[in-house]
Amino acid sequence: MRAFEIVSHEFLAPGVFRLALYAPLVASHAKTGQFVVLIPVATGERIPLTINRADPERGLITVVYQVVGKTTHLLSTMKVGEALFSVLGPLGRPSHIEKTEKTVVLVSGGLGAAIILPEMYAFRSVGTPVVSVIGARTESLLLFRDEFERYSDRVLIATNDGSCGVKGFVTDALAEYLASESSQVAFVKAIGPNRMMEAVSKLASSYGIPTYVSLTSIMVDGTGMCGSCRVSIHGEIKHVCVDGPEFLADGIDFQELEHRNARFQRLEKEAFASCGCHPERR
């Protein structure tokens, strides 16, 4: 099998895919929470994606991605048996996993479910009780619901349209839970859109509960040299690619992070429009 050869490529939801590829060196070193940088073809962009699963025995890694631009659209068209141009990793620091008698609450929105799922497995493997809070726009877009329900001690669901669970956001479901169970929570982990993670951390903080977040920022080299992914935490500059991607939420300047993430939006839209495709048409 060739390096970076695609072993499976699954459709999960409109615009969302799961990709398994042969990368034995990455698989043998990957830890929970780390990521890789993919380049689908020689002329493609560098895409940072969290490792959803690593299988060292078979030499495979799995990532879940959403088609949001030209290069992720190109990736979605690649077939089993084709090989990616490059895979760099594992990168970043592993997630904070510990055994605790109290409950860890894992909160994810949308594609964040794919990133937080390995953390659920990791906490369960050390005997830590886990409550999972998952959210999406509608029930059909709830990713990995079966896995969460199988391995979590409890699952809380929120959908924007009320088709499943609480009608509203993950913060609505989390608020109901913390109102009665906050004393039993060791800490919260949140993965999803930056504004969602900020809202979760503020809610948990009101109960004196710390929150860890996995930040999504624009990356270029993924090794700390370009500075593109920098974020301010208590006024100090950190680089998501080498200091993170996981940080304690306290002190993160989420407004600055949102502003930095938006700086290439016009160019991204123009590039995506140039390929004449839409993520939900495939």
C-alpha atoms as a PDB file:
ATOM      1  CA  MET A   1       0.000   0.000   0.000  1.00  0.00           C
ATOM      2  CA  ARG A   2       1.308   3.461  -0.891  1.00  0.00           C
ATOM      3  CA  ALA A   3       1.950   6.161   1.695  1.00  0.00           C
ATOM      4  CA  PHE A   4      -1.155   8.306   2.245  1.00  0.00           C
ATOM      5  CA  GLU A   5      -3.354   6.013   0.147  1.00  0.00           C
ATOM      6  CA  ILE A   6      -7.089   6.370   0.780  1.00  0.00           C
ATOM      7  CA  VAL A   7      -8.531   3.199   2.310  1.00  0.00           C
ATOM      8  CA  SER A   8     -12.101   4.402   2.807  1.00  0.00           C
ATOM      9  CA  HIS A   9     -14.014   7.604   2.124  1.00  0.00           C
ATOM     10  CA  GLU A  10     -17.499   7.820   3.631  1.00  0.00           C
ATOM     11  CA  PHE A  11     -20.339  10.314   3.326  1.00  0.00           C
ATOM     12  CA  LEU A  12     -21.646  11.135   6.833  1.00  0.00           C
ATOM     13  CA  ALA A  13     -23.968  14.089   6.249  1.00  0.00           C
ATOM     14  CA  PRO A  14     -24.393  16.803   3.615  1.00  0.00           C
ATOM     15  CA  GLY A  15     -20.900  18.191   3.085  1.00  0.00           C
ATOM     16  CA  VAL A  16     -19.334  16.008   5.826  1.00  0.00           C
ATOM     17  CA  PHE A  17     -17.022  13.054   5.104  1.00  0.00           C
ATOM     18  CA  ARG A  18     -14.879  10.530   6.982  1.00  0.00           C
ATOM     19  CA  LEU A  19     -11.541   9.670   5.380  1.00  0.00           C
ATOM     20  CA  ALA A  20      -9.252   6.787   6.370  1.00  0.00           C
ATOM     21  CA  LEU A  21      -5.778   6.695   4.892  1.00  0.00           C
ATOM     22  CA  TYR A  22      -2.541   4.753   5.197  1.00  0.00           C
ATOM     23  CA  ALA A  23      -0.025   6.716   7.277  1.00  0.00           C
ATOM     24  CA  PRO A  24       1.776   4.202   9.521  1.00  0.00           C
ATOM     25  CA  LEU A  25       4.318   6.593  11.062  1.00  0.00           C
ATOM     26  CA  VAL A  26       1.584   9.051  12.012  1.00  0.00           C
ATOM     27  CA  ALA A  27      -0.667   6.278  13.344  1.00  0.00           C
ATOM     28  CA  SER A  28       2.098   4.859  15.529  1.00  0.00           C
ATOM     29  CA  HIS A  29       2.750   8.175  17.280  1.00  0.00           C
ATOM     30  CA  ALA A  30      -0.701   9.822  17.394  1.00  0.00           C
ATOM     31  CA  LYS A  31      -2.273  10.717  20.724  1.00  0.00           C
ATOM     32  CA  THR A  32      -5.747  11.978  21.600  1.00  0.00           C
ATOM     33  CA  GLY A  33      -6.330  15.558  20.479  1.00  0.00           C
ATOM     34  CA  GLN A  34      -3.469  15.810  18.007  1.00  0.00           C
ATOM     35  CA  PHE A  35      -3.923  16.747  14.361  1.00  0.00           C
ATOM     36  CA  VAL A  36      -2.406  16.353  10.916  1.00  0.00           C
ATOM     37  CA  VAL A  37      -1.888  18.752   8.022  1.00  0.00           C
ATOM     38  CA  LEU A  38      -3.073  17.287   4.716  1.00  0.00           C
ATOM     39  CA  ILE A  39      -2.246  18.409   1.184  1.00  0.00           C
ATOM     40  CA  PRO A  40      -4.572  16.534  -1.210  1.00  0.00           C
ATOM     41  CA  VAL A  41      -2.644  17.374  -4.413  1.00  0.00           C
ATOM     42  CA  ALA A  42       0.614  19.153  -5.150  1.00  0.00           C
ATOM     43  CA  THR A  43      -1.184  22.406  -5.979  1.00  0.00           C
ATOM     44  CA  GLY A  44      -3.578  22.209  -3.010  1.00  0.00           C
ATOM     45  CA  GLU A  45      -3.680  24.079   0.273  1.00  0.00           C
ATOM     46  CA  ARG A  46      -2.534  22.744   3.629  1.00  0.00           C
ATOM     47  CA  ILE A  47      -5.556  21.584   5.671  1.00  0.00           C
ATOM     48  CA  PRO A  48      -5.260  21.007   9.455  1.00  0.00           C
ATOM     49  CA  LEU A  49      -7.587  18.220  10.636  1.00  0.00           C
ATOM     50  CA  THR A  50      -7.846  16.557  14.037  1.00  0.00           C
ATOM     51  CA  ILE A  51      -7.170  12.817  14.082  1.00  0.00           C
ATOM     52  CA  ASN A  52     -10.500  11.117  14.711  1.00  0.00           C
ATOM     53  CA  ARG A  53      -8.955   7.678  15.149  1.00  0.00           C
ATOM     54  CA  ALA A  54      -5.528   6.049  14.859  1.00  0.00           C
ATOM     55  CA  ASP A  55      -4.997   2.347  14.176  1.00  0.00           C
ATOM     56  CA  PRO A  56      -1.267   1.620  14.625  1.00  0.00           C
ATOM     57  CA  GLU A  57      -1.649  -2.092  13.828  1.00  0.00           C
ATOM     58  CA  ARG A  58      -3.059  -1.371  10.371  1.00  0.00           C
ATOM     59  CA  GLY A  59      -1.139   1.872   9.930  1.00  0.00           C
ATOM     60  CA  LEU A  60      -4.322   3.887   9.419  1.00  0.00           C
ATOM     61  CA  ILE A  61      -5.537   7.273  10.577  1.00  0.00           C
ATOM     62  CA  THR A  62      -9.070   8.605  10.205  1.00  0.00           C
ATOM     63  CA  VAL A  63     -10.146  12.227   9.898  1.00  0.00           C
ATOM     64  CA  VAL A  64     -13.567  13.821   9.536  1.00  0.00           C
ATOM     65  CA  TYR A  65     -13.887  16.998   7.507  1.00  0.00           C
ATOM     66  CA  GLN A  66     -16.473  19.393   6.149  1.00  0.00           C
ATOM     67  CA  VAL A  67     -16.448  20.837   2.651  1.00  0.00           C
ATOM     68  CA  VAL A  68     -16.084  24.573   3.230  1.00  0.00           C
ATOM     69  CA  GLY A  69     -13.746  25.655   0.432  1.00  0.00           C
ATOM     70  CA  LYS A  70     -12.028  24.744  -2.802  1.00  0.00           C
ATOM     71  CA  THR A  71      -9.449  22.348  -1.372  1.00  0.00           C
ATOM     72  CA  THR A  72     -11.847  20.454   0.900  1.00  0.00           C
ATOM     73  CA  HIS A  73     -14.158  20.110  -2.111  1.00  0.00           C
ATOM     74  CA  LEU A  74     -11.219  18.683  -4.075  1.00  0.00           C
ATOM     75  CA  LEU A  75     -10.513  16.276  -1.212  1.00  0.00           C
ATOM     76  CA  SER A  76     -14.156  15.128  -1.248  1.00  0.00           C
ATOM     77  CA  THR A  77     -13.810  14.047  -4.896  1.00  0.00           C
ATOM     78  CA  MET A  78     -10.832  11.751  -4.257  1.00  0.00           C
ATOM     79  CA  LYS A  79     -11.489   8.002  -4.460  1.00  0.00           C
ATOM     80  CA  VAL A  80     -10.382   4.914  -2.563  1.00  0.00           C
ATOM     81  CA  GLY A  81      -7.020   3.829  -3.952  1.00  0.00           C
ATOM     82  CA  GLU A  82      -5.842   7.354  -4.705  1.00  0.00           C
ATOM     83  CA  ALA A  83      -3.094   8.840  -2.541  1.00  0.00           C
ATOM     84  CA  LEU A  84      -2.840  12.270  -0.978  1.00  0.00           C
ATOM     85  CA  PHE A  85       0.197  14.349  -1.884  1.00  0.00           C
ATOM     86  CA  SER A  86       1.316  14.882   1.722  1.00  0.00           C
ATOM     87  CA  VAL A  87       0.373  14.180   5.341  1.00  0.00           C
ATOM     88  CA  LEU A  88       2.295  15.887   8.149  1.00  0.00           C
ATOM     89  CA  GLY A  89       1.845  14.851  11.765  1.00  0.00           C
ATOM     90  CA  PRO A  90       0.971  14.127  14.426  1.00  0.00           C
ATOM     91  CA  LEU A  91       1.083  17.787  15.433  1.00  0.00           C
ATOM     92  CA  GLY A  92       0.049  19.750  18.515  1.00  0.00           C
ATOM     93  CA  ARG A  93      -0.080  18.732  22.140  1.00  0.00           C
ATOM     94  CA  PRO A  94      -2.220  15.790  23.287  1.00  0.00           C
ATOM     95  CA  SER A  95      -5.473  16.574  25.091  1.00  0.00           C
ATOM     96  CA  HIS A  96      -5.720  16.701  28.863  1.00  0.00           C
ATOM     97  CA  ILE A  97      -7.008  13.285  29.976  1.00  0.00           C
ATOM     98  CA  GLU A  98      -7.172  12.287  33.621  1.00  0.00           C
ATOM     99  CA  LYS A  99      -8.930   9.861  35.909  1.00  0.00           C
ATOM    100  CA  THR A 100     -11.356  11.587  38.241  1.00  0.00           C
ATOM    101  CA  GLU A 101     -14.231  10.440  40.419  1.00  0.00           C
ATOM    102  CA  LYS A 102     -16.278  13.424  39.316  1.00  0.00           C
ATOM    103  CA  THR A 103     -17.863  13.691  35.894  1.00  0.00           C
ATOM    104  CA  VAL A 104     -16.261  15.225  32.823  1.00  0.00           C
ATOM    105  CA  VAL A 105     -18.786  16.943  30.547  1.00  0.00           C
ATOM    106  CA  LEU A 106     -17.915  16.857  26.837  1.00  0.00           C
ATOM    107  CA  VAL A 107     -19.751  19.473  24.768  1.00  0.00           C
ATOM    108  CA  SER A 108     -19.629  19.449  20.972  1.00  0.00           C
ATOM    109  CA  GLY A 109     -21.436  21.265  18.221  1.00  0.00           C
ATOM    110  CA  GLY A 110     -21.643  20.112  14.608  1.00  0.00           C
ATOM    111  CA  LEU A 111     -18.327  18.773  13.335  1.00  0.00           C
ATOM    112  CA  GLY A 112     -16.870  19.143  16.826  1.00  0.00           C
ATOM    113  CA  ALA A 113     -18.439  15.755  17.611  1.00  0.00           C
ATOM    114  CA  ALA A 114     -15.790  14.076  15.457  1.00  0.00           C
ATOM    115  CA  ILE A 115     -13.020  15.770  17.418  1.00  0.00           C
ATOM    116  CA  ILE A 116     -14.419  15.158  20.891  1.00  0.00           C
ATOM    117  CA  LEU A 117     -15.326  11.503  20.248  1.00  0.00           C
ATOM    118  CA  PRO A 118     -11.732  10.224  20.815  1.00  0.00           C
ATOM    119  CA  GLU A 119     -11.689  12.130  24.100  1.00  0.00           C
ATOM    120  CA  MET A 120     -14.798  10.293  25.225  1.00  0.00           C
ATOM    121  CA  TYR A 121     -13.046   6.977  24.526  1.00  0.00           C
ATOM    122  CA  ALA A 122      -9.913   8.170  26.356  1.00  0.00           C
ATOM    123  CA  PHE A 123     -11.770   9.248  29.487  1.00  0.00           C
ATOM    124  CA  ARG A 124     -13.749   6.019  29.573  1.00  0.00           C
ATOM    125  CA  SER A 125     -10.544   3.991  29.214  1.00  0.00           C
ATOM    126  CA  VAL A 126      -9.186   5.488  32.470  1.00  0.00           C
ATOM    127  CA  GLY A 127     -12.497   5.090  34.307  1.00  0.00           C
ATOM    128  CA  THR A 128     -13.705   8.710  34.339  1.00  0.00           C
ATOM    129  CA  PRO A 129     -17.505   9.214  34.198  1.00  0.00           C
ATOM    130  CA  VAL A 130     -18.546  11.042  31.026  1.00  0.00           C
ATOM    131  CA  VAL A 131     -21.608  13.089  30.147  1.00  0.00           C
ATOM    132  CA  SER A 132     -21.775  14.098  26.486  1.00  0.00           C
ATOM    133  CA  VAL A 133     -23.686  17.098  25.162  1.00  0.00           C
ATOM    134  CA  ILE A 134     -24.056  17.084  21.367  1.00  0.00           C
ATOM    135  CA  GLY A 135     -25.778  19.584  19.148  1.00  0.00           C
ATOM    136  CA  ALA A 136     -26.659  20.251  15.523  1.00  0.00           C
ATOM    137  CA  ARG A 137     -29.110  22.227  13.414  1.00  0.00           C
ATOM    138  CA  THR A 138     -31.416  19.215  13.058  1.00  0.00           C
ATOM    139  CA  GLU A 139     -31.535  15.546  14.092  1.00  0.00           C
ATOM    140  CA  SER A 140     -30.209  14.207  10.769  1.00  0.00           C
ATOM    141  CA  LEU A 141     -26.997  16.206  11.270  1.00  0.00           C
ATOM    142  CA  LEU A 142     -26.144  14.739  14.695  1.00  0.00           C
ATOM    143  CA  LEU A 143     -22.813  13.032  14.057  1.00  0.00           C
ATOM    144  CA  PHE A 144     -21.785   9.816  15.870  1.00  0.00           C
ATOM    145  CA  ARG A 145     -24.904   9.794  18.021  1.00  0.00           C
ATOM    146  CA  ASP A 146     -24.823   5.997  18.369  1.00  0.00           C
ATOM    147  CA  GLU A 147     -21.237   6.029  19.640  1.00  0.00           C
ATOM    148  CA  PHE A 148     -21.956   8.744  22.175  1.00  0.00           C
ATOM    149  CA  GLU A 149     -25.006   6.905  23.469  1.00  0.00           C
ATOM    150  CA  ARG A 150     -23.107   3.617  23.675  1.00  0.00           C
ATOM    151  CA  TYR A 151     -20.084   4.865  25.616  1.00  0.00           C
ATOM    152  CA  SER A 152     -21.239   7.917  27.591  1.00  0.00           C
ATOM    153  CA  ASP A 153     -22.858   7.604  30.996  1.00  0.00           C
ATOM    154  CA  ARG A 154     -25.445  10.097  29.789  1.00  0.00           C
ATOM    155  CA  VAL A 155     -26.098  11.960  26.538  1.00  0.00           C
ATOM    156  CA  LEU A 156     -27.844  15.321  26.256  1.00  0.00           C
ATOM    157  CA  ILE A 157     -28.931  16.481  22.810  1.00  0.00           C
ATOM    158  CA  ALA A 158     -29.816  19.924  21.481  1.00  0.00           C
ATOM    159  CA  THR A 159     -31.080  20.785  18.003  1.00  0.00           C
ATOM    160  CA  ASN A 160     -31.852  24.225  16.661  1.00  0.00           C
ATOM    161  CA  ASP A 161     -35.192  23.109  15.238  1.00  0.00           C
ATOM    162  CA  GLY A 162     -36.211  20.958  18.207  1.00  0.00           C
ATOM    163  CA  SER A 163     -36.309  17.756  16.125  1.00  0.00           C
ATOM    164  CA  CYS A 164     -34.377  15.929  18.866  1.00  0.00           C
ATOM    165  CA  GLY A 165     -33.648  16.745  22.491  1.00  0.00           C
ATOM    166  CA  VAL A 166     -33.729  20.318  23.747  1.00  0.00           C
ATOM    167  CA  LYS A 167     -34.768  22.939  21.209  1.00  0.00           C
ATOM    168  CA  GLY A 168     -31.948  25.439  21.035  1.00  0.00           C
ATOM    169  CA  PHE A 169     -28.183  25.296  21.497  1.00  0.00           C
ATOM    170  CA  VAL A 170     -25.822  23.021  23.426  1.00  0.00           C
ATOM    171  CA  THR A 171     -25.617  25.747  26.057  1.00  0.00           C
ATOM    172  CA  ASP A 172     -29.354  25.313  26.706  1.00  0.00           C
ATOM    173  CA  ALA A 173     -28.913  21.584  27.355  1.00  0.00           C
ATOM    174  CA  LEU A 174     -25.776  22.221  29.406  1.00  0.00           C
ATOM    175  CA  ALA A 175     -27.528  24.884  31.502  1.00  0.00           C
ATOM    176  CA  GLU A 176     -30.280  22.434  32.464  1.00  0.00           C
ATOM    177  CA  TYR A 177     -27.713  19.836  33.455  1.00  0.00           C
ATOM    178  CA  LEU A 178     -25.477  22.164  35.479  1.00  0.00           C
ATOM    179  CA  ALA A 179     -28.463  23.598  37.328  1.00  0.00           C
ATOM    180  CA  SER A 180     -28.815  20.293  39.175  1.00  0.00           C
ATOM    181  CA  GLU A 181     -25.475  18.490  38.744  1.00  0.00           C
ATOM    182  CA  SER A 182     -22.742  21.165  38.825  1.00  0.00           C
ATOM    183  CA  SER A 183     -21.310  19.921  42.126  1.00  0.00           C
ATOM    184  CA  GLN A 184     -20.522  16.574  40.470  1.00  0.00           C
ATOM    185  CA  VAL A 185     -18.596  18.054  37.521  1.00  0.00           C
ATOM    186  CA  ALA A 186     -14.791  18.097  37.517  1.00  0.00           C
ATOM    187  CA  PHE A 187     -14.456  20.143  34.335  1.00  0.00           C
ATOM    188  CA  VAL A 188     -16.017  20.742  30.949  1.00  0.00           C
ATOM    189  CA  LYS A 189     -14.496  20.265  27.504  1.00  0.00           C
ATOM    190  CA  ALA A 190     -15.982  22.096  24.546  1.00  0.00           C
ATOM    191  CA  ILE A 191     -15.217  21.658  20.851  1.00  0.00           C
ATOM    192  CA  GLY A 192     -17.033  23.437  18.052  1.00  0.00           C
ATOM    193  CA  PRO A 193     -17.445  26.970  16.675  1.00  0.00           C
ATOM    194  CA  ASN A 194     -15.455  29.570  18.604  1.00  0.00           C
ATOM    195  CA  ARG A 195     -18.568  31.434  19.736  1.00  0.00           C
ATOM    196  CA  MET A 196     -20.089  28.206  21.030  1.00  0.00           C
ATOM    197  CA  MET A 197     -16.950  27.391  23.017  1.00  0.00           C
ATOM    198  CA  GLU A 198     -16.880  30.891  24.468  1.00  0.00           C
ATOM    199  CA  ALA A 199     -20.541  30.614  25.534  1.00  0.00           C
ATOM    200  CA  VAL A 200     -19.952  27.184  27.108  1.00  0.00           C
ATOM    201  CA  SER A 201     -16.933  28.421  29.043  1.00  0.00           C
ATOM    202  CA  LYS A 202     -18.848  31.439  30.379  1.00  0.00           C
ATOM    203  CA  LEU A 203     -21.709  29.215  31.504  1.00  0.00           C
ATOM    204  CA  ALA A 204     -19.406  26.708  33.221  1.00  0.00           C
ATOM    205  CA  SER A 205     -17.415  29.535  34.812  1.00  0.00           C
ATOM    206  CA  SER A 206     -20.594  30.847  36.456  1.00  0.00           C
ATOM    207  CA  TYR A 207     -20.590  27.583  38.447  1.00  0.00           C
ATOM    208  CA  GLY A 208     -16.863  27.747  39.158  1.00  0.00           C
ATOM    209  CA  ILE A 209     -16.148  24.943  36.693  1.00  0.00           C
ATOM    210  CA  PRO A 210     -13.092  25.189  34.400  1.00  0.00           C
ATOM    211  CA  THR A 211     -13.486  24.582  30.665  1.00  0.00           C
ATOM    212  CA  TYR A 212     -10.958  23.241  28.189  1.00  0.00           C
ATOM    213  CA  VAL A 213     -11.453  24.184  24.542  1.00  0.00           C
ATOM    214  CA  SER A 214      -9.855  22.961  21.316  1.00  0.00           C
ATOM    215  CA  LEU A 215      -9.260  26.032  19.182  1.00  0.00           C
ATOM    216  CA  THR A 216      -9.683  26.256  15.439  1.00  0.00           C
ATOM    217  CA  SER A 217      -7.493  28.858  13.801  1.00  0.00           C
ATOM    218  CA  ILE A 218      -5.985  29.480  10.385  1.00  0.00           C
ATOM    219  CA  MET A 219      -2.737  27.541  10.050  1.00  0.00           C
ATOM    220  CA  VAL A 220      -0.089  27.513   7.347  1.00  0.00           C
ATOM    221  CA  ASP A 221       2.964  25.466   8.326  1.00  0.00           C
ATOM    222  CA  GLY A 222       1.506  23.899  11.488  1.00  0.00           C
ATOM    223  CA  THR A 223       4.859  23.979  13.302  1.00  0.00           C
ATOM    224  CA  GLY A 224       4.868  27.414  14.952  1.00  0.00           C
ATOM    225  CA  MET A 225       7.024  29.275  12.437  1.00  0.00           C
ATOM    226  CA  CYS A 226       4.493  31.314  10.435  1.00  0.00           C
ATOM    227  CA  GLY A 227       2.543  32.819  13.343  1.00  0.00           C
ATOM    228  CA  SER A 228      -0.761  32.628  11.467  1.00  0.00           C
ATOM    229  CA  CYS A 229      -2.531  30.684  14.216  1.00  0.00           C
ATOM    230  CA  ARG A 230      -1.592  32.929  17.115  1.00  0.00           C
ATOM    231  CA  VAL A 231      -4.137  33.623  19.829  1.00  0.00           C
ATOM    232  CA  SER A 232      -4.057  35.907  22.869  1.00  0.00           C
ATOM    233  CA  ILE A 233      -4.542  34.306  26.286  1.00  0.00           C
ATOM    234  CA  HIS A 234      -4.377  36.676  29.267  1.00  0.00           C
ATOM    235  CA  GLY A 235      -2.587  39.076  26.921  1.00  0.00           C
ATOM    236  CA  GLU A 236       0.137  36.554  26.072  1.00  0.00           C
ATOM    237  CA  ILE A 237       0.594  35.274  22.532  1.00  0.00           C
ATOM    238  CA  LYS A 238       0.219  31.515  22.046  1.00  0.00           C
ATOM    239  CA  HIS A 239       0.368  29.472  18.863  1.00  0.00           C
ATOM    240  CA  VAL A 240      -2.487  27.012  18.450  1.00  0.00           C
ATOM    241  CA  CYS A 241      -0.406  24.590  16.376  1.00  0.00           C
ATOM    242  CA  VAL A 242       2.357  24.017  18.938  1.00  0.00           C
ATOM    243  CA  ASP A 243       0.972  25.294  22.261  1.00  0.00           C
ATOM    244  CA  GLY A 244      -2.472  23.785  21.634  1.00  0.00           C
ATOM    245  CA  PRO A 245      -4.870  23.112  20.096  1.00  0.00           C
ATOM    246  CA  GLU A 246      -6.326  22.603  23.585  1.00  0.00           C
ATOM    247  CA  PHE A 247      -6.265  25.413  26.142  1.00  0.00           C
ATOM    248  CA  LEU A 248      -8.073  26.408  29.289  1.00  0.00           C
ATOM    249  CA  ALA A 249     -10.745  28.834  28.101  1.00  0.00           C
ATOM    250  CA  ASP A 250     -10.110  31.368  30.847  1.00  0.00           C
ATOM    251  CA  GLY A 251      -8.407  34.421  29.372  1.00  0.00           C
ATOM    252  CA  ILE A 252      -8.777  33.532  25.688  1.00  0.00           C
ATOM    253  CA  ASP A 253      -9.547  36.563  23.506  1.00  0.00           C
ATOM    254  CA  PHE A 254     -12.274  34.907  21.432  1.00  0.00           C
ATOM    255  CA  GLN A 255     -13.179  38.178  19.707  1.00  0.00           C
ATOM    256  CA  GLU A 256      -9.635  38.564  18.387  1.00  0.00           C
ATOM    257  CA  LEU A 257      -9.624  34.918  17.312  1.00  0.00           C
ATOM    258  CA  GLU A 258     -12.859  35.381  15.352  1.00  0.00           C
ATOM    259  CA  HIS A 259     -11.448  38.472  13.691  1.00  0.00           C
ATOM    260  CA  ARG A 260      -8.254  36.695  12.679  1.00  0.00           C
ATOM    261  CA  ASN A 261     -10.164  33.697  11.327  1.00  0.00           C
ATOM    262  CA  ALA A 262     -12.218  35.970   9.070  1.00  0.00           C
ATOM    263  CA  ARG A 263      -9.325  37.707   7.364  1.00  0.00           C
ATOM    264  CA  PHE A 264      -9.307  35.487   4.257  1.00  0.00           C
ATOM    265  CA  GLN A 265     -13.055  34.966   3.875  1.00  0.00           C
ATOM    266  CA  ARG A 266     -13.366  36.963   0.645  1.00  0.00           C
ATOM    267  CA  LEU A 267     -10.498  35.093  -1.010  1.00  0.00           C
ATOM    268  CA  GLU A 268     -11.865  31.749   0.212  1.00  0.00           C
ATOM    269  CA  LYS A 269     -15.293  32.488  -1.265  1.00  0.00           C
ATOM    270  CA  GLU A 270     -13.767  33.544  -4.574  1.00  0.00           C
ATOM    271  CA  ALA A 271     -11.635  30.389  -4.756  1.00  0.00           C
ATOM    272  CA  PHE A 272     -14.603  28.180  -3.895  1.00  0.00           C
ATOM    273  CA  ALA A 273     -16.812  29.910  -6.460  1.00  0.00           C
ATOM    274  CA  SER A 274     -14.141  29.374  -9.101  1.00  0.00           C
ATOM    275  CA  CYS A 275     -14.555  25.599  -8.861  1.00  0.00           C
ATOM    276  CA  GLY A 276     -18.307  25.948  -9.515  1.00  0.00           C
ATOM    277  CA  CYS A 277     -19.284  23.539  -6.746  1.00  0.00           C
ATOM    278  CA  HIS A 278     -21.334  23.513  -3.570  1.00  0.00           C
ATOM    279  CA  PRO A 279     -20.647  21.122  -0.647  1.00  0.00           C
ATOM    280  CA  GLU A 280     -24.213  19.743  -0.578  1.00  0.00           C
ATOM    281  CA  ARG A 281     -24.387  18.891  -4.266  1.00  0.00           C
ATOM    282  CA  ARG A 282     -22.204  15.817  -4.000  1.00  0.00           C
END
